[in-house]
């Protein structure tokens, strides 16, 4: 149960920050690398021991790359939703006078001719 909880524990969020300086990024990668190795040893020590150190690093770099891509997609979706909301508010404001006029004018047979 404890290993399961550790498997779902988040890696440092800074891994997805593309504005970090190289020293901070390197420190975060090392922390995440040691955490992934520690959890892997807890899951299966023999398999984790057989993995070369470069594989751990390459894997974490790939996780970082894909995480940043996913983060970018979600950021773009969020920004698009905000823009869509603003556009709808503007359109509603531009057409609100039409709805008010339509309610005041009643169509009678005389007006239709």
Foldseek 3Di string as FASTA:
>chain_A
DVLVVLVPDDQPPCLLPPPDDPVVNVVSLVRRLVSVLVSVCVVPVVVSVPDDSVVSSVVSVVVSVVVNVVVVVVVVVVVVVVVVVVVVVVVCVVCVVVVVVVVVDDDDPVNVD
